[in-house]
Amino acid sequence: RMLKRRMIKLLEKLLSQRDGIHSEYGALLRYTQDYHKRLSIIRKVFVQEKEMFEGRKVSDRIVSIDRHYVRPIVRGKETKSVEFGAKVNNIQIDGISFIEHLSF
């Protein structure tokens, strides 16, 4: 728990330092659209982790910065209780598989 608190404080410090650099040198720096997207996802993860640390539940929790749309799937299996990825509903007609429903 102490390690998690320190990591949250470190991320908060790094984000504030980044904001300070941006406010001072923002006109000189050029960021890509991908950078802005990743930064907004990192900020969302920071807020979510802070809320979870304080004991609150978080809906639509982000588990990956690169694939922020992926949600954990609770399976309840003995070896893997949680999996990540897409939920797929397949149907098979005459030996040919079709994806009936795909969700993340």
N, C-alpha and C. Protein backbone atom coordinates (compact mmCIF):
# COMPACT_ATOMS: atom_id res chain seq x y z
N ARG A 1 0.83 -1.20 0.00
CA ARG A 1 0.00 0.00 0.00
C ARG A 1 0.87 1.26 0.00
N MET A 2 1.97 1.22 0.74
CA MET A 2 2.86 2.38 0.77
C MET A 2 3.53 2.58 -0.59
N LEU A 3 3.88 1.47 -1.25
CA LEU A 3 4.50 1.57 -2.57
C LEU A 3 3.53 2.19 -3.57
N LYS A 4 2.27 1.77 -3.51
CA LYS A 4 1.27 2.32 -4.42
C LYS A 4 1.08 3.82 -4.17
N ARG A 5 1.05 4.22 -2.90
CA ARG A 5 0.92 5.64 -2.56
C ARG A 5 2.09 6.43 -3.13
N ARG A 6 3.30 5.89 -3.00
CA ARG A 6 4.48 6.58 -3.53
C ARG A 6 4.45 6.68 -5.04
N MET A 7 3.97 5.63 -5.69
CA MET A 7 3.89 5.66 -7.16
C MET A 7 2.87 6.69 -7.62
N ILE A 8 1.74 6.80 -6.92
CA ILE A 8 0.74 7.80 -7.26
C ILE A 8 1.31 9.20 -7.07
N LYS A 9 2.01 9.43 -5.97
CA LYS A 9 2.64 10.74 -5.72
C LYS A 9 3.70 11.06 -6.78
N LEU A 10 4.47 10.04 -7.18
CA LEU A 10 5.49 10.25 -8.21
C LEU A 10 4.84 10.64 -9.54
N LEU A 11 3.77 9.95 -9.92
CA LEU A 11 3.09 10.28 -11.16
C LEU A 11 2.49 11.68 -11.09
N GLU A 12 1.95 12.04 -9.93
CA GLU A 12 1.41 13.39 -9.75
C GLU A 12 2.51 14.43 -9.91
N LYS A 13 3.67 14.16 -9.34
CA LYS A 13 4.81 15.08 -9.43
C LYS A 13 5.28 15.20 -10.88
N LEU A 14 5.39 14.07 -11.58
CA LEU A 14 5.84 14.10 -12.97
C LEU A 14 4.86 14.85 -13.87
N LEU A 15 3.56 14.65 -13.64
CA LEU A 15 2.57 15.36 -14.44
C LEU A 15 2.61 16.87 -14.16
N SER A 16 2.83 17.25 -12.90
CA SER A 16 2.91 18.69 -12.60
C SER A 16 4.18 19.30 -13.18
N GLN A 17 5.30 18.55 -13.16
CA GLN A 17 6.53 19.04 -13.79
C GLN A 17 6.34 19.19 -15.29
N ARG A 18 5.66 18.24 -15.90
CA ARG A 18 5.38 18.31 -17.34
C ARG A 18 4.53 19.54 -17.64
N ASP A 19 3.53 19.81 -16.79
CA ASP A 19 2.69 20.99 -16.98
C ASP A 19 3.49 22.28 -16.82
N GLY A 20 4.43 22.29 -15.88
CA GLY A 20 5.28 23.46 -15.69
C GLY A 20 6.17 23.72 -16.90
N ILE A 21 6.74 22.66 -17.44
CA ILE A 21 7.57 22.79 -18.64
C ILE A 21 6.72 23.26 -19.81
N HIS A 22 5.52 22.71 -19.92
CA HIS A 22 4.64 23.10 -21.02
C HIS A 22 4.21 24.56 -20.91
N SER A 23 3.93 25.01 -19.68
CA SER A 23 3.51 26.41 -19.53
C SER A 23 4.66 27.38 -19.81
N GLU A 24 5.89 26.94 -19.52
CA GLU A 24 7.04 27.81 -19.73
C GLU A 24 7.53 27.78 -21.18
N TYR A 25 7.58 26.59 -21.76
CA TYR A 25 8.14 26.44 -23.11
C TYR A 25 7.12 25.92 -24.12
N GLY A 26 5.86 26.01 -23.81
CA GLY A 26 4.81 25.44 -24.65
C GLY A 26 4.83 25.93 -26.08
N ALA A 27 5.17 27.19 -26.28
CA ALA A 27 5.18 27.75 -27.63
C ALA A 27 6.31 27.16 -28.47
N LEU A 28 7.38 26.73 -27.82
CA LEU A 28 8.53 26.18 -28.55
C LEU A 28 8.39 24.69 -28.83
N LEU A 29 7.55 24.02 -28.07
CA LEU A 29 7.43 22.56 -28.19
C LEU A 29 6.29 22.19 -29.12
N ARG A 30 6.51 21.15 -29.90
CA ARG A 30 5.49 20.63 -30.79
C ARG A 30 5.21 19.19 -30.40
N TYR A 31 3.95 18.91 -30.08
CA TYR A 31 3.56 17.56 -29.69
C TYR A 31 2.70 16.94 -30.79
N THR A 32 2.84 15.65 -30.96
CA THR A 32 2.01 14.95 -31.94
C THR A 32 0.63 14.70 -31.34
N GLN A 33 -0.28 14.36 -32.21
CA GLN A 33 -1.64 14.04 -31.75
C GLN A 33 -1.63 12.77 -30.90
N ASP A 34 -0.76 11.83 -31.25
CA ASP A 34 -0.62 10.60 -30.47
C ASP A 34 -0.13 10.91 -29.05
N TYR A 35 0.78 11.86 -28.93
CA TYR A 35 1.28 12.27 -27.60
C TYR A 35 0.15 12.83 -26.75
N HIS A 36 -0.68 13.71 -27.34
CA HIS A 36 -1.80 14.29 -26.60
C HIS A 36 -2.79 13.21 -26.17
N LYS A 37 -3.03 12.26 -27.06
CA LYS A 37 -3.96 11.17 -26.75
C LYS A 37 -3.44 10.33 -25.59
N ARG A 38 -2.16 9.96 -25.66
CA ARG A 38 -1.57 9.15 -24.59
C ARG A 38 -1.53 9.92 -23.27
N LEU A 39 -1.25 11.21 -23.33
CA LEU A 39 -1.21 12.02 -22.12
C LEU A 39 -2.59 12.09 -21.47
N SER A 40 -3.63 12.24 -22.27
CA SER A 40 -4.98 12.28 -21.69
C SER A 40 -5.35 10.93 -21.07
N ILE A 41 -4.92 9.83 -21.69
CA ILE A 41 -5.17 8.50 -21.12
C ILE A 41 -4.41 8.34 -19.81
N ILE A 42 -3.16 8.80 -19.78
CA ILE A 42 -2.36 8.70 -18.55
C ILE A 42 -3.00 9.52 -17.44
N ARG A 43 -3.54 10.69 -17.77
CA ARG A 43 -4.22 11.50 -16.75
C ARG A 43 -5.47 10.78 -16.22
N LYS A 44 -6.21 10.12 -17.13
CA LYS A 44 -7.39 9.36 -16.69
C LYS A 44 -6.99 8.21 -15.78
N VAL A 45 -5.91 7.51 -16.15
CA VAL A 45 -5.42 6.40 -15.32
C VAL A 45 -5.01 6.93 -13.95
N PHE A 46 -4.36 8.08 -13.92
CA PHE A 46 -3.94 8.68 -12.66
C PHE A 46 -5.15 8.96 -11.76
N VAL A 47 -6.18 9.56 -12.33
CA VAL A 47 -7.39 9.87 -11.55
C VAL A 47 -8.04 8.58 -11.06
N GLN A 48 -8.11 7.57 -11.94
CA GLN A 48 -8.72 6.30 -11.55
C GLN A 48 -7.93 5.61 -10.44
N GLU A 49 -6.61 5.60 -10.55
CA GLU A 49 -5.78 4.96 -9.52
C GLU A 49 -5.92 5.68 -8.18
N LYS A 50 -6.01 7.01 -8.24
CA LYS A 50 -6.17 7.79 -7.01
C LYS A 50 -7.50 7.46 -6.35
N GLU A 51 -8.57 7.35 -7.15
CA GLU A 51 -9.88 7.00 -6.61
C GLU A 51 -9.88 5.60 -6.03
N MET A 52 -9.25 4.66 -6.72
CA MET A 52 -9.19 3.28 -6.23
C MET A 52 -8.37 3.21 -4.94
N PHE A 53 -7.32 3.99 -4.85
CA PHE A 53 -6.49 4.01 -3.65
C PHE A 53 -7.29 4.53 -2.45
N GLU A 54 -8.18 5.46 -2.72
CA GLU A 54 -9.02 6.03 -1.66
C GLU A 54 -10.20 5.12 -1.32
N GLY A 55 -10.33 4.00 -2.02
CA GLY A 55 -11.36 3.02 -1.69
C GLY A 55 -12.63 3.10 -2.49
N ARG A 56 -12.66 3.92 -3.52
CA ARG A 56 -13.86 4.04 -4.34
C ARG A 56 -13.77 3.12 -5.55
N LYS A 57 -14.92 2.66 -6.02
CA LYS A 57 -14.99 1.83 -7.22
C LYS A 57 -14.88 2.73 -8.46
N VAL A 58 -14.29 2.18 -9.51
CA VAL A 58 -14.12 2.93 -10.76
C VAL A 58 -14.81 2.14 -11.87
N SER A 59 -15.75 2.78 -12.55
CA SER A 59 -16.38 2.13 -13.69
C SER A 59 -15.55 2.40 -14.94
N ASP A 60 -15.53 1.46 -15.84
CA ASP A 60 -14.75 1.54 -17.09
C ASP A 60 -13.28 1.83 -16.81
N ARG A 61 -12.70 1.02 -15.94
CA ARG A 61 -11.30 1.19 -15.54
C ARG A 61 -10.38 0.90 -16.71
N ILE A 62 -9.40 1.75 -16.93
CA ILE A 62 -8.42 1.58 -17.99
C ILE A 62 -7.32 0.67 -17.47
N VAL A 63 -7.02 -0.41 -18.21
CA VAL A 63 -6.00 -1.36 -17.78
C VAL A 63 -4.78 -1.35 -18.70
N SER A 64 -4.86 -0.62 -19.82
CA SER A 64 -3.74 -0.54 -20.75
C SER A 64 -3.71 0.84 -21.38
N ILE A 65 -2.55 1.46 -21.39
CA ILE A 65 -2.43 2.79 -22.00
C ILE A 65 -2.52 2.69 -23.52
N ASP A 66 -1.90 1.66 -24.09
CA ASP A 66 -1.93 1.51 -25.54
C ASP A 66 -3.30 1.10 -26.05
N ARG A 67 -3.98 0.23 -25.30
CA ARG A 67 -5.32 -0.23 -25.70
C ARG A 67 -6.30 0.14 -24.60
N HIS A 68 -6.62 1.41 -24.51
CA HIS A 68 -7.45 1.91 -23.43
C HIS A 68 -8.89 1.43 -23.52
N TYR A 69 -9.29 0.92 -24.67
CA TYR A 69 -10.66 0.44 -24.86
C TYR A 69 -10.86 -0.99 -24.36
N VAL A 70 -9.78 -1.70 -24.02
CA VAL A 70 -9.86 -3.08 -23.55
C VAL A 70 -10.24 -3.08 -22.08
N ARG A 71 -11.20 -3.94 -21.73
CA ARG A 71 -11.64 -4.07 -20.35
C ARG A 71 -11.33 -5.47 -19.84
N PRO A 72 -11.13 -5.62 -18.54
CA PRO A 72 -10.90 -6.96 -17.99
C PRO A 72 -12.18 -7.80 -18.05
N ILE A 73 -12.02 -9.08 -18.37
CA ILE A 73 -13.13 -10.02 -18.43
C ILE A 73 -12.93 -11.00 -17.28
N VAL A 74 -13.85 -11.00 -16.33
CA VAL A 74 -13.74 -11.91 -15.19
C VAL A 74 -14.31 -13.26 -15.62
N ARG A 75 -13.45 -14.27 -15.63
CA ARG A 75 -13.83 -15.61 -16.08
C ARG A 75 -14.13 -16.55 -14.93
N GLY A 76 -13.41 -16.38 -13.83
CA GLY A 76 -13.61 -17.28 -12.71
C GLY A 76 -12.93 -18.62 -12.88
N LYS A 77 -12.04 -18.73 -13.85
CA LYS A 77 -11.31 -19.98 -14.05
C LYS A 77 -10.26 -20.13 -12.95
N GLU A 78 -9.84 -21.37 -12.75
CA GLU A 78 -8.88 -21.62 -11.69
C GLU A 78 -7.51 -21.05 -12.02
N THR A 79 -7.06 -21.22 -13.26
CA THR A 79 -5.72 -20.75 -13.62
C THR A 79 -5.69 -19.26 -13.92
N LYS A 80 -6.69 -18.77 -14.65
CA LYS A 80 -6.75 -17.35 -14.99
C LYS A 80 -8.12 -16.83 -14.58
N SER A 81 -8.17 -16.05 -13.52
CA SER A 81 -9.46 -15.53 -13.08
C SER A 81 -9.91 -14.32 -13.90
N VAL A 82 -8.94 -13.59 -14.47
CA VAL A 82 -9.25 -12.41 -15.27
C VAL A 82 -8.47 -12.49 -16.57
N GLU A 83 -9.16 -12.20 -17.68
CA GLU A 83 -8.51 -12.16 -18.99
C GLU A 83 -8.75 -10.79 -19.61
N PHE A 84 -7.96 -10.46 -20.60
CA PHE A 84 -8.08 -9.17 -21.27
C PHE A 84 -8.24 -9.41 -22.76
N GLY A 85 -9.06 -8.60 -23.39
CA GLY A 85 -9.23 -8.73 -24.83
C GLY A 85 -10.69 -8.56 -25.21
N ALA A 86 -10.98 -9.00 -26.41
CA ALA A 86 -12.33 -8.85 -26.95
C ALA A 86 -13.19 -10.05 -26.59
N LYS A 87 -14.48 -9.78 -26.36
CA LYS A 87 -15.45 -10.86 -26.20
C LYS A 87 -16.01 -11.14 -27.59
N VAL A 88 -15.95 -12.40 -27.99
CA VAL A 88 -16.38 -12.77 -29.33
C VAL A 88 -17.44 -13.86 -29.22
N ASN A 89 -18.52 -13.70 -29.96
CA ASN A 89 -19.55 -14.73 -30.05
C ASN A 89 -19.52 -15.28 -31.47
N ASN A 90 -19.05 -16.52 -31.61
CA ASN A 90 -18.92 -17.15 -32.93
C ASN A 90 -20.11 -18.05 -33.20
N ILE A 91 -20.48 -18.13 -34.46
CA ILE A 91 -21.43 -19.16 -34.90
C ILE A 91 -20.77 -19.89 -36.06
N GLN A 92 -21.11 -21.16 -36.19
CA GLN A 92 -20.50 -21.96 -37.25
C GLN A 92 -21.61 -22.57 -38.10
N ILE A 93 -21.54 -22.29 -39.39
CA ILE A 93 -22.52 -22.80 -40.34
C ILE A 93 -21.77 -23.51 -41.45
N ASP A 94 -22.05 -24.80 -41.62
CA ASP A 94 -21.43 -25.64 -42.66
C ASP A 94 -19.90 -25.56 -42.60
N GLY A 95 -19.34 -25.56 -41.39
CA GLY A 95 -17.89 -25.56 -41.23
C GLY A 95 -17.24 -24.20 -41.37
N ILE A 96 -18.03 -23.16 -41.59
CA ILE A 96 -17.49 -21.80 -41.72
C ILE A 96 -17.85 -21.02 -40.46
N SER A 97 -16.86 -20.41 -39.83
CA SER A 97 -17.10 -19.64 -38.61
C SER A 97 -17.39 -18.18 -38.95
N PHE A 98 -18.39 -17.63 -38.29
CA PHE A 98 -18.76 -16.23 -38.44
C PHE A 98 -18.73 -15.57 -37.07
N ILE A 99 -18.28 -14.34 -37.02
CA ILE A 99 -18.32 -13.58 -35.78
C ILE A 99 -19.67 -12.89 -35.72
N GLU A 100 -20.48 -13.33 -34.75
CA GLU A 100 -21.82 -12.78 -34.62
C GLU A 100 -21.80 -11.47 -33.83
N HIS A 101 -20.97 -11.44 -32.80
CA HIS A 101 -20.90 -10.25 -31.95
C HIS A 101 -19.47 -10.07 -31.45
N LEU A 102 -18.97 -8.85 -31.49
CA LEU A 102 -17.62 -8.53 -31.03
C LEU A 102 -17.70 -7.29 -30.16
N SER A 103 -17.18 -7.40 -28.93
CA SER A 103 -17.18 -6.24 -28.04
C SER A 103 -15.91 -6.24 -27.21
N PHE A 104 -15.51 -5.06 -26.78
CA PHE A 104 -14.31 -4.91 -25.95
C PHE A 104 -14.71 -4.61 -24.54
